[in-house]
């Protein structure tokens, strides 16, 4: 993450809901061999998998005084809500 957000940039958080009935079309990144942050429960989606955008929230205020995100406290971001239907 950059030390400071530039005036012409907006931080964006992508939130994915996954219907996990059979499997996710991707790879879970929760093992130290795959990622430096296994506790984040990150998922790497396969190229070309279908994603539906459900909504976008603009101007969401960041409210967090802990960890790496604390330096952005009080600033605004965009949140993109999506769904992986498989």
Protein backbone atom coordinates (compact mmCIF):
# COMPACT_ATOMS: atom_id res chain seq x y z
CA UNK A 1 0.00 0.00 0.00
CA UNK A 2 1.28 3.48 -0.74
CA UNK A 3 2.30 5.74 2.12
CA UNK A 4 -0.15 8.40 0.98
CA UNK A 5 -3.21 8.42 -1.28
CA UNK A 6 -2.76 10.76 -4.24
CA UNK A 7 -5.49 13.30 -5.02
CA UNK A 8 -6.35 11.65 -8.34
CA UNK A 9 -6.63 8.14 -6.82
CA UNK A 10 -9.34 6.42 -4.79
CA UNK A 11 -8.64 3.31 -2.72
CA UNK A 12 -10.98 0.50 -3.75
CA UNK A 13 -12.03 -2.57 -1.78
CA UNK A 14 -13.47 -5.50 -3.73
CA UNK A 15 -15.85 -7.71 -1.71
CA UNK A 16 -16.79 -11.07 -3.22
CA UNK A 17 -19.62 -13.32 -2.09
CA UNK A 18 -19.06 -16.90 -3.23
CA UNK A 19 -21.82 -19.52 -3.37
CA UNK A 20 -19.46 -22.35 -2.55
CA UNK A 21 -21.84 -25.30 -3.32
CA UNK A 22 -19.33 -27.27 -5.38
CA UNK A 23 -16.11 -25.27 -5.51
CA UNK A 24 -14.66 -21.85 -6.13
CA UNK A 25 -13.16 -21.34 -9.57
CA UNK A 26 -9.85 -20.38 -8.10
CA UNK A 27 -7.25 -21.18 -5.49
CA UNK A 28 -7.41 -20.40 -1.79
CA UNK A 29 -4.31 -18.51 -0.66
CA UNK A 30 -4.33 -19.54 3.00
CA UNK A 31 -1.04 -21.42 3.15
CA UNK A 32 2.35 -19.83 3.85
CA UNK A 33 3.84 -21.32 0.67
CA UNK A 34 1.36 -19.29 -1.43
CA UNK A 35 1.15 -15.93 0.36
CA UNK A 36 2.86 -13.79 2.99
CA UNK A 37 -0.56 -13.17 4.59
CA UNK A 38 -2.29 -16.57 5.03
CA UNK A 39 -4.68 -15.16 7.67
CA UNK A 40 -6.35 -12.91 5.06
CA UNK A 41 -8.28 -15.87 3.54
CA UNK A 42 -7.44 -14.58 0.08
CA UNK A 43 -8.75 -16.35 -3.04
CA UNK A 44 -7.08 -16.10 -6.44
CA UNK A 45 -9.86 -16.46 -9.04
CA UNK A 46 -9.29 -18.20 -12.37
CA UNK A 47 -8.97 -16.09 -15.46
CA UNK A 48 -12.31 -15.65 -17.21
CA UNK A 49 -14.51 -16.77 -14.31
CA UNK A 50 -17.87 -15.02 -14.16
CA UNK A 51 -18.35 -12.27 -11.56
CA UNK A 52 -21.51 -10.21 -11.09
CA UNK A 53 -21.24 -6.68 -9.70
CA UNK A 54 -24.09 -6.24 -7.22
CA UNK A 55 -23.42 -2.65 -6.21
CA UNK A 56 -20.84 0.05 -5.68
CA UNK A 57 -20.60 2.29 -2.61
CA UNK A 58 -18.70 5.53 -3.12
CA UNK A 59 -17.29 7.74 -0.37
CA UNK A 60 -17.12 5.07 2.35
CA UNK A 61 -15.12 6.47 5.26
CA UNK A 62 -12.23 4.32 6.47
CA UNK A 63 -12.46 3.92 10.24
CA UNK A 64 -9.60 1.82 11.58
CA UNK A 65 -6.79 2.79 13.92
CA UNK A 66 -4.94 -0.53 13.89
CA UNK A 67 -2.43 -2.16 11.57
CA UNK A 68 -1.42 -1.03 8.09
CA UNK A 69 -4.79 0.56 7.29
CA UNK A 70 -4.51 3.00 10.25
CA UNK A 71 -2.58 5.50 8.11
CA UNK A 72 -5.71 5.87 5.94
CA UNK A 73 -8.10 6.44 8.85
CA UNK A 74 -10.65 9.14 8.04
CA UNK A 75 -10.11 8.97 4.27
CA UNK A 76 -12.66 7.74 1.76
CA UNK A 77 -12.71 4.66 -0.44
CA UNK A 78 -14.95 2.89 -2.94
CA UNK A 79 -16.39 -0.55 -2.11
CA UNK A 80 -17.35 -2.86 -5.00
CA UNK A 81 -19.74 -5.68 -3.97
CA UNK A 82 -19.59 -8.70 -6.28
CA UNK A 83 -20.79 -12.29 -6.46
CA UNK A 84 -19.04 -15.38 -7.81
CA UNK A 85 -22.08 -17.58 -8.66
CA UNK A 86 -20.51 -21.04 -8.75
